[in-house]
Amino acid sequence: MERLLSRIFEKLQNTKAGVLFAAMFFVVAILLCIFGFFRTLFIILFTLVGFFVGSFLFSDSSRFKKFLDRILPPGRFR
């Protein structure tokens, strides 16, 4: 998975910004046509929240373990 993401980021660095934003707005336009404004906004919001939470928690394994210890106390479920 990490190799796939690194390849994608390498290709994105070589891509011009106009092409990248045109593709991004094309996807948003398709979502708007299919789902409507509020559902598309909901999808984009949860995608961004998931990205930031995932990058925050999984950037450091000890941070993720502390998060799990807060949610599930070590003695009860693990």
PDB file of N, CA and C in Angstrom:
ATOM      1  N   MET A   1       0.828  -1.193   0.000  1.00  0.00           N
ATOM      2  CA  MET A   1       0.000   0.000   0.000  1.00  0.00           C
ATOM      3  C   MET A   1       0.870   1.253   0.000  1.00  0.00           C
ATOM      4  N   GLU A   2       1.930   1.215   0.794  1.00  0.00           N
ATOM      5  CA  GLU A   2       2.798   2.384   0.880  1.00  0.00           C
ATOM      6  C   GLU A   2       3.529   2.633  -0.435  1.00  0.00           C
ATOM      7  N   ARG A   3       3.905   1.532  -1.110  1.00  0.00           N
ATOM      8  CA  ARG A   3       4.569   1.701  -2.413  1.00  0.00           C
ATOM      9  C   ARG A   3       3.613   2.310  -3.427  1.00  0.00           C
ATOM     10  N   LEU A   4       2.358   1.884  -3.366  1.00  0.00           N
ATOM     11  CA  LEU A   4       1.363   2.432  -4.291  1.00  0.00           C
ATOM     12  C   LEU A   4       1.182   3.924  -4.070  1.00  0.00           C
ATOM     13  N   LEU A   5       1.059   4.328  -2.807  1.00  0.00           N
ATOM     14  CA  LEU A   5       0.901   5.753  -2.511  1.00  0.00           C
ATOM     15  C   LEU A   5       2.132   6.556  -2.909  1.00  0.00           C
ATOM     16  N   SER A   6       3.318   6.002  -2.694  1.00  0.00           N
ATOM     17  CA  SER A   6       4.527   6.740  -3.083  1.00  0.00           C
ATOM     18  C   SER A   6       4.602   6.893  -4.601  1.00  0.00           C
ATOM     19  N   ARG A   7       4.175   5.863  -5.351  1.00  0.00           N
ATOM     20  CA  ARG A   7       4.159   5.989  -6.816  1.00  0.00           C
ATOM     21  C   ARG A   7       3.150   7.046  -7.260  1.00  0.00           C
ATOM     22  N   ILE A   8       1.993   7.066  -6.611  1.00  0.00           N
ATOM     23  CA  ILE A   8       0.975   8.059  -6.968  1.00  0.00           C
ATOM     24  C   ILE A   8       1.491   9.469  -6.689  1.00  0.00           C
ATOM     25  N   PHE A   9       2.135   9.667  -5.523  1.00  0.00           N
ATOM     26  CA  PHE A   9       2.660  10.989  -5.193  1.00  0.00           C
ATOM     27  C   PHE A   9       3.784  11.403  -6.132  1.00  0.00           C
ATOM     28  N   GLU A  10       4.610  10.445  -6.583  1.00  0.00           N
ATOM     29  CA  GLU A  10       5.663  10.772  -7.547  1.00  0.00           C
ATOM     30  C   GLU A  10       5.055  11.238  -8.868  1.00  0.00           C
ATOM     31  N   LYS A  11       4.006  10.554  -9.312  1.00  0.00           N
ATOM     32  CA  LYS A  11       3.363  10.962 -10.563  1.00  0.00           C
ATOM     33  C   LYS A  11       2.667  12.311 -10.421  1.00  0.00           C
ATOM     34  N   LEU A  12       2.104  12.567  -9.233  1.00  0.00           N
ATOM     35  CA  LEU A  12       1.440  13.848  -9.021  1.00  0.00           C
ATOM     36  C   LEU A  12       2.428  15.005  -8.983  1.00  0.00           C
ATOM     37  N   GLN A  13       3.647  14.752  -8.520  1.00  0.00           N
ATOM     38  CA  GLN A  13       4.648  15.813  -8.489  1.00  0.00           C
ATOM     39  C   GLN A  13       5.066  16.216  -9.896  1.00  0.00           C
ATOM     40  N   ASN A  14       5.022  15.268 -10.827  1.00  0.00           N
ATOM     41  CA  ASN A  14       5.411  15.564 -12.203  1.00  0.00           C
ATOM     42  C   ASN A  14       4.253  16.109 -13.031  1.00  0.00           C
ATOM     43  N   THR A  15       3.053  16.080 -12.499  1.00  0.00           N
ATOM     44  CA  THR A  15       1.872  16.542 -13.217  1.00  0.00           C
ATOM     45  C   THR A  15       1.684  18.041 -12.994  1.00  0.00           C
ATOM     46  N   LYS A  16       1.235  18.706 -14.029  1.00  0.00           N
ATOM     47  CA  LYS A  16       0.979  20.137 -13.898  1.00  0.00           C
ATOM     48  C   LYS A  16      -0.260  20.357 -13.044  1.00  0.00           C
ATOM     49  N   ALA A  17      -0.295  21.464 -12.351  1.00  0.00           N
ATOM     50  CA  ALA A  17      -1.382  21.761 -11.421  1.00  0.00           C
ATOM     51  C   ALA A  17      -2.719  21.897 -12.141  1.00  0.00           C
ATOM     52  N   GLY A  18      -2.713  22.411 -13.350  1.00  0.00           N
ATOM     53  CA  GLY A  18      -3.958  22.578 -14.095  1.00  0.00           C
ATOM     54  C   GLY A  18      -4.631  21.246 -14.385  1.00  0.00           C
ATOM     55  N   VAL A  19      -3.850  20.256 -14.759  1.00  0.00           N
ATOM     56  CA  VAL A  19      -4.396  18.934 -15.047  1.00  0.00           C
ATOM     57  C   VAL A  19      -4.932  18.301 -13.768  1.00  0.00           C
ATOM     58  N   LEU A  20      -4.196  18.457 -12.683  1.00  0.00           N
ATOM     59  CA  LEU A  20      -4.596  17.883 -11.402  1.00  0.00           C
ATOM     60  C   LEU A  20      -5.911  18.487 -10.917  1.00  0.00           C
ATOM     61  N   PHE A  21      -6.033  19.799 -10.953  1.00  0.00           N
ATOM     62  CA  PHE A  21      -7.249  20.449 -10.486  1.00  0.00           C
ATOM     63  C   PHE A  21      -8.411  20.221 -11.443  1.00  0.00           C
ATOM     64  N   ALA A  22      -8.133  20.096 -12.726  1.00  0.00           N
ATOM     65  CA  ALA A  22      -9.205  19.793 -13.675  1.00  0.00           C
ATOM     66  C   ALA A  22      -9.788  18.415 -13.369  1.00  0.00           C
ATOM     67  N   ALA A  23      -8.954  17.452 -13.081  1.00  0.00           N
ATOM     68  CA  ALA A  23      -9.432  16.104 -12.746  1.00  0.00           C
ATOM     69  C   ALA A  23     -10.196  16.115 -11.427  1.00  0.00           C
ATOM     70  N   MET A  24      -9.692  16.866 -10.459  1.00  0.00           N
ATOM     71  CA  MET A  24     -10.346  16.926  -9.158  1.00  0.00           C
ATOM     72  C   MET A  24     -11.735  17.570  -9.280  1.00  0.00           C
ATOM     73  N   PHE A  25     -11.838  18.658 -10.001  1.00  0.00           N
ATOM     74  CA  PHE A  25     -13.129  19.328 -10.153  1.00  0.00           C
ATOM     75  C   PHE A  25     -14.074  18.539 -11.049  1.00  0.00           C
ATOM     76  N   PHE A  26     -13.526  17.741 -11.954  1.00  0.00           N
ATOM     77  CA  PHE A  26     -14.368  16.864 -12.755  1.00  0.00           C
ATOM     78  C   PHE A  26     -15.044  15.818 -11.861  1.00  0.00           C
ATOM     79  N   VAL A  27     -14.288  15.256 -10.933  1.00  0.00           N
ATOM     80  CA  VAL A  27     -14.848  14.280 -10.001  1.00  0.00           C
ATOM     81  C   VAL A  27     -15.911  14.929  -9.131  1.00  0.00           C
ATOM     82  N   VAL A  28     -15.653  16.135  -8.657  1.00  0.00           N
ATOM     83  CA  VAL A  28     -16.643  16.848  -7.844  1.00  0.00           C
ATOM     84  C   VAL A  28     -17.900  17.140  -8.664  1.00  0.00           C
ATOM     85  N   ALA A  29     -17.736  17.516  -9.914  1.00  0.00           N
ATOM     86  CA  ALA A  29     -18.895  17.796 -10.769  1.00  0.00           C
ATOM     87  C   ALA A  29     -19.727  16.538 -10.998  1.00  0.00           C
ATOM     88  N   ILE A  30     -19.073  15.413 -11.206  1.00  0.00           N
ATOM     89  CA  ILE A  30     -19.792  14.143 -11.377  1.00  0.00           C
ATOM     90  C   ILE A  30     -20.550  13.799 -10.101  1.00  0.00           C
ATOM     91  N   LEU A  31     -19.901  13.979  -8.945  1.00  0.00           N
ATOM     92  CA  LEU A  31     -20.569  13.717  -7.668  1.00  0.00           C
ATOM     93  C   LEU A  31     -21.787  14.615  -7.489  1.00  0.00           C
ATOM     94  N   LEU A  32     -21.655  15.895  -7.863  1.00  0.00           N
ATOM     95  CA  LEU A  32     -22.785  16.818  -7.757  1.00  0.00           C
ATOM     96  C   LEU A  32     -23.937  16.398  -8.662  1.00  0.00           C
ATOM     97  N   CYS A  33     -23.622  15.947  -9.849  1.00  0.00           N
ATOM     98  CA  CYS A  33     -24.683  15.530 -10.771  1.00  0.00           C
ATOM     99  C   CYS A  33     -25.368  14.258 -10.285  1.00  0.00           C
ATOM    100  N   ILE A  34     -24.614  13.351  -9.705  1.00  0.00           N
ATOM    101  CA  ILE A  34     -25.191  12.076  -9.282  1.00  0.00           C
ATOM    102  C   ILE A  34     -25.927  12.208  -7.954  1.00  0.00           C
ATOM    103  N   PHE A  35     -25.290  12.816  -6.946  1.00  0.00           N
ATOM    104  CA  PHE A  35     -25.822  12.802  -5.591  1.00  0.00           C
ATOM    105  C   PHE A  35     -26.502  14.095  -5.162  1.00  0.00           C
ATOM    106  N   GLY A  36     -26.157  15.217  -5.740  1.00  0.00           N
ATOM    107  CA  GLY A  36     -26.684  16.498  -5.285  1.00  0.00           C
ATOM    108  C   GLY A  36     -25.680  17.191  -4.388  1.00  0.00           C
ATOM    109  N   PHE A  37     -25.999  18.436  -4.025  1.00  0.00           N
ATOM    110  CA  PHE A  37     -25.041  19.281  -3.310  1.00  0.00           C
ATOM    111  C   PHE A  37     -24.731  18.777  -1.900  1.00  0.00           C
ATOM    112  N   PHE A  38     -25.763  18.542  -1.091  1.00  0.00           N
ATOM    113  CA  PHE A  38     -25.521  18.219   0.317  1.00  0.00           C
ATOM    114  C   PHE A  38     -24.915  16.829   0.493  1.00  0.00           C
ATOM    115  N   ARG A  39     -25.324  15.879  -0.318  1.00  0.00           N
ATOM    116  CA  ARG A  39     -24.718  14.549  -0.226  1.00  0.00           C
ATOM    117  C   ARG A  39     -23.258  14.586  -0.668  1.00  0.00           C
ATOM    118  N   THR A  40     -22.968  15.367  -1.698  1.00  0.00           N
ATOM    119  CA  THR A  40     -21.584  15.514  -2.133  1.00  0.00           C
ATOM    120  C   THR A  40     -20.749  16.200  -1.066  1.00  0.00           C
ATOM    121  N   LEU A  41     -21.301  17.220  -0.453  1.00  0.00           N
ATOM    122  CA  LEU A  41     -20.612  17.904   0.638  1.00  0.00           C
ATOM    123  C   LEU A  41     -20.340  16.943   1.793  1.00  0.00           C
ATOM    124  N   PHE A  42     -21.300  16.101   2.111  1.00  0.00           N
ATOM    125  CA  PHE A  42     -21.157  15.092   3.152  1.00  0.00           C
ATOM    126  C   PHE A  42     -20.032  14.113   2.806  1.00  0.00           C
ATOM    127  N   ILE A  43     -19.985  13.653   1.571  1.00  0.00           N
ATOM    128  CA  ILE A  43     -18.945  12.715   1.125  1.00  0.00           C
ATOM    129  C   ILE A  43     -17.574  13.367   1.221  1.00  0.00           C
ATOM    130  N   ILE A  44     -17.444  14.594   0.744  1.00  0.00           N
ATOM    131  CA  ILE A  44     -16.159  15.291   0.769  1.00  0.00           C
ATOM    132  C   ILE A  44     -15.723  15.565   2.199  1.00  0.00           C
ATOM    133  N   LEU A  45     -16.656  15.979   3.047  1.00  0.00           N
ATOM    134  CA  LEU A  45     -16.331  16.256   4.449  1.00  0.00           C
ATOM    135  C   LEU A  45     -15.816  15.009   5.161  1.00  0.00           C
ATOM    136  N   PHE A  46     -16.518  13.903   5.025  1.00  0.00           N
ATOM    137  CA  PHE A  46     -16.080  12.690   5.696  1.00  0.00           C
ATOM    138  C   PHE A  46     -14.796  12.127   5.098  1.00  0.00           C
ATOM    139  N   THR A  47     -14.567  12.334   3.820  1.00  0.00           N
ATOM    140  CA  THR A  47     -13.303  11.918   3.221  1.00  0.00           C
ATOM    141  C   THR A  47     -12.144  12.709   3.811  1.00  0.00           C
ATOM    142  N   LEU A  48     -12.316  14.014   3.946  1.00  0.00           N
ATOM    143  CA  LEU A  48     -11.263  14.847   4.530  1.00  0.00           C
ATOM    144  C   LEU A  48     -11.028  14.527   5.999  1.00  0.00           C
ATOM    145  N   VAL A  49     -12.102  14.321   6.755  1.00  0.00           N
ATOM    146  CA  VAL A  49     -11.957  13.957   8.167  1.00  0.00           C
ATOM    147  C   VAL A  49     -11.241  12.618   8.288  1.00  0.00           C
ATOM    148  N   GLY A  50     -11.617  11.659   7.470  1.00  0.00           N
ATOM    149  CA  GLY A  50     -10.954  10.356   7.487  1.00  0.00           C
ATOM    150  C   GLY A  50      -9.483  10.448   7.129  1.00  0.00           C
ATOM    151  N   PHE A  51      -9.161  11.294   6.167  1.00  0.00           N
ATOM    152  CA  PHE A  51      -7.759  11.468   5.791  1.00  0.00           C
ATOM    153  C   PHE A  51      -6.949  12.067   6.935  1.00  0.00           C
ATOM    154  N   PHE A  52      -7.462  13.129   7.545  1.00  0.00           N
ATOM    155  CA  PHE A  52      -6.715  13.776   8.614  1.00  0.00           C
ATOM    156  C   PHE A  52      -6.621  12.912   9.864  1.00  0.00           C
ATOM    157  N   VAL A  53      -7.687  12.228  10.215  1.00  0.00           N
ATOM    158  CA  VAL A  53      -7.631  11.337  11.375  1.00  0.00           C
ATOM    159  C   VAL A  53      -6.683  10.181  11.101  1.00  0.00           C
ATOM    160  N   GLY A  54      -6.759   9.616   9.918  1.00  0.00           N
ATOM    161  CA  GLY A  54      -5.868   8.513   9.563  1.00  0.00           C
ATOM    162  C   GLY A  54      -4.415   8.929   9.529  1.00  0.00           C
ATOM    163  N   SER A  55      -4.133  10.084   8.966  1.00  0.00           N
ATOM    164  CA  SER A  55      -2.739  10.529   8.907  1.00  0.00           C
ATOM    165  C   SER A  55      -2.231  10.914  10.288  1.00  0.00           C
ATOM    166  N   PHE A  56      -3.117  11.418  11.163  1.00  0.00           N
ATOM    167  CA  PHE A  56      -2.708  11.774  12.517  1.00  0.00           C
ATOM    168  C   PHE A  56      -2.458  10.528  13.359  1.00  0.00           C
ATOM    169  N   LEU A  57      -3.373   9.561  13.303  1.00  0.00           N
ATOM    170  CA  LEU A  57      -3.251   8.390  14.165  1.00  0.00           C
ATOM    171  C   LEU A  57      -2.218   7.386  13.667  1.00  0.00           C
ATOM    172  N   PHE A  58      -2.128   7.192  12.381  1.00  0.00           N
ATOM    173  CA  PHE A  58      -1.246   6.164  11.865  1.00  0.00           C
ATOM    174  C   PHE A  58       0.136   6.678  11.497  1.00  0.00           C
ATOM    175  N   SER A  59       0.420   7.943  11.731  1.00  0.00           N
ATOM    176  CA  SER A  59       1.760   8.455  11.455  1.00  0.00           C
ATOM    177  C   SER A  59       2.760   7.927  12.471  1.00  0.00           C
ATOM    178  N   ASP A  60       2.294   7.632  13.672  1.00  0.00           N
ATOM    179  CA  ASP A  60       3.160   7.112  14.729  1.00  0.00           C
ATOM    180  C   ASP A  60       2.408   5.983  15.424  1.00  0.00           C
ATOM    181  N   SER A  61       3.019   4.784  15.503  1.00  0.00           N
ATOM    182  CA  SER A  61       2.316   3.637  16.075  1.00  0.00           C
ATOM    183  C   SER A  61       2.048   3.825  17.568  1.00  0.00           C
ATOM    184  N   SER A  62       2.922   4.527  18.282  1.00  0.00           N
ATOM    185  CA  SER A  62       2.678   4.739  19.708  1.00  0.00           C
ATOM    186  C   SER A  62       1.467   5.654  19.919  1.00  0.00           C
ATOM    187  N   ARG A  63       1.274   6.600  19.032  1.00  0.00           N
ATOM    188  CA  ARG A  63       0.112   7.487  19.116  1.00  0.00           C
ATOM    189  C   ARG A  63      -1.176   6.684  18.915  1.00  0.00           C
ATOM    190  N   PHE A  64      -1.147   5.734  17.993  1.00  0.00           N
ATOM    191  CA  PHE A  64      -2.311   4.897  17.748  1.00  0.00           C
ATOM    192  C   PHE A  64      -2.591   3.992  18.950  1.00  0.00           C
ATOM    193  N   LYS A  65      -1.546   3.453  19.573  1.00  0.00           N
ATOM    194  CA  LYS A  65      -1.727   2.611  20.759  1.00  0.00           C
ATOM    195  C   LYS A  65      -2.301   3.425  21.915  1.00  0.00           C
ATOM    196  N   LYS A  66      -1.843   4.655  22.096  1.00  0.00           N
ATOM    197  CA  LYS A  66      -2.402   5.512  23.137  1.00  0.00           C
ATOM    198  C   LYS A  66      -3.874   5.804  22.875  1.00  0.00           C
ATOM    199  N   PHE A  67      -4.207   6.023  21.615  1.00  0.00           N
ATOM    200  CA  PHE A  67      -5.602   6.265  21.245  1.00  0.00           C
ATOM    201  C   PHE A  67      -6.464   5.049  21.562  1.00  0.00           C
ATOM    202  N   LEU A  68      -5.972   3.842  21.230  1.00  0.00           N
ATOM    203  CA  LEU A  68      -6.716   2.628  21.541  1.00  0.00           C
ATOM    204  C   LEU A  68      -6.842   2.411  23.040  1.00  0.00           C
ATOM    205  N   ASP A  69      -5.800   2.752  23.787  1.00  0.00           N
ATOM    206  CA  ASP A  69      -5.856   2.609  25.244  1.00  0.00           C
ATOM    207  C   ASP A  69      -6.894   3.550  25.860  1.00  0.00           C
ATOM    208  N   ARG A  70      -7.080   4.701  25.263  1.00  0.00           N
ATOM    209  CA  ARG A  70      -8.109   5.619  25.751  1.00  0.00           C
ATOM    210  C   ARG A  70      -9.505   5.082  25.475  1.00  0.00           C
ATOM    211  N   ILE A  71      -9.694   4.483  24.297  1.00  0.00           N
ATOM    212  CA  ILE A  71     -11.009   3.973  23.933  1.00  0.00           C
ATOM    213  C   ILE A  71     -11.279   2.629  24.617  1.00  0.00           C
ATOM    214  N   LEU A  72     -10.328   1.715  24.504  1.00  0.00           N
ATOM    215  CA  LEU A  72     -10.456   0.387  25.100  1.00  0.00           C
ATOM    216  C   LEU A  72      -9.387   0.227  26.159  1.00  0.00           C
ATOM    217  N   PRO A  73      -9.735   0.251  27.424  1.00  0.00           N
ATOM    218  CA  PRO A  73      -8.722   0.106  28.475  1.00  0.00           C
ATOM    219  C   PRO A  73      -7.967  -1.219  28.313  1.00  0.00           C
ATOM    220  N   PRO A  74      -6.658  -1.225  28.560  1.00  0.00           N
ATOM    221  CA  PRO A  74      -5.821  -2.400  28.286  1.00  0.00           C
ATOM    222  C   PRO A  74      -6.260  -3.666  29.012  1.00  0.00           C
ATOM    223  N   GLY A  75      -6.808  -3.561  30.194  1.00  0.00           N
ATOM    224  CA  GLY A  75      -7.132  -4.758  30.963  1.00  0.00           C
ATOM    225  C   GLY A  75      -8.450  -5.402  30.599  1.00  0.00           C
ATOM    226  N   ARG A  76      -9.333  -4.708  29.925  1.00  0.00           N
ATOM    227  CA  ARG A  76     -10.688  -5.236  29.715  1.00  0.00           C
ATOM    228  C   ARG A  76     -10.850  -6.012  28.414  1.00  0.00           C
ATOM    229  N   PHE A  77     -10.375  -5.490  27.328  1.00  0.00           N
ATOM    230  CA  PHE A  77     -10.687  -6.092  26.035  1.00  0.00           C
ATOM    231  C   PHE A  77      -9.476  -6.649  25.292  1.00  0.00           C
ATOM    232  N   ARG A  78      -8.276  -6.306  25.726  1.00  0.00           N
ATOM    233  CA  ARG A  78      -7.103  -6.815  25.014  1.00  0.00           C
ATOM    234  C   ARG A  78      -6.261  -7.620  25.945  1.00  0.00           C
TER     235      ARG A  78
END
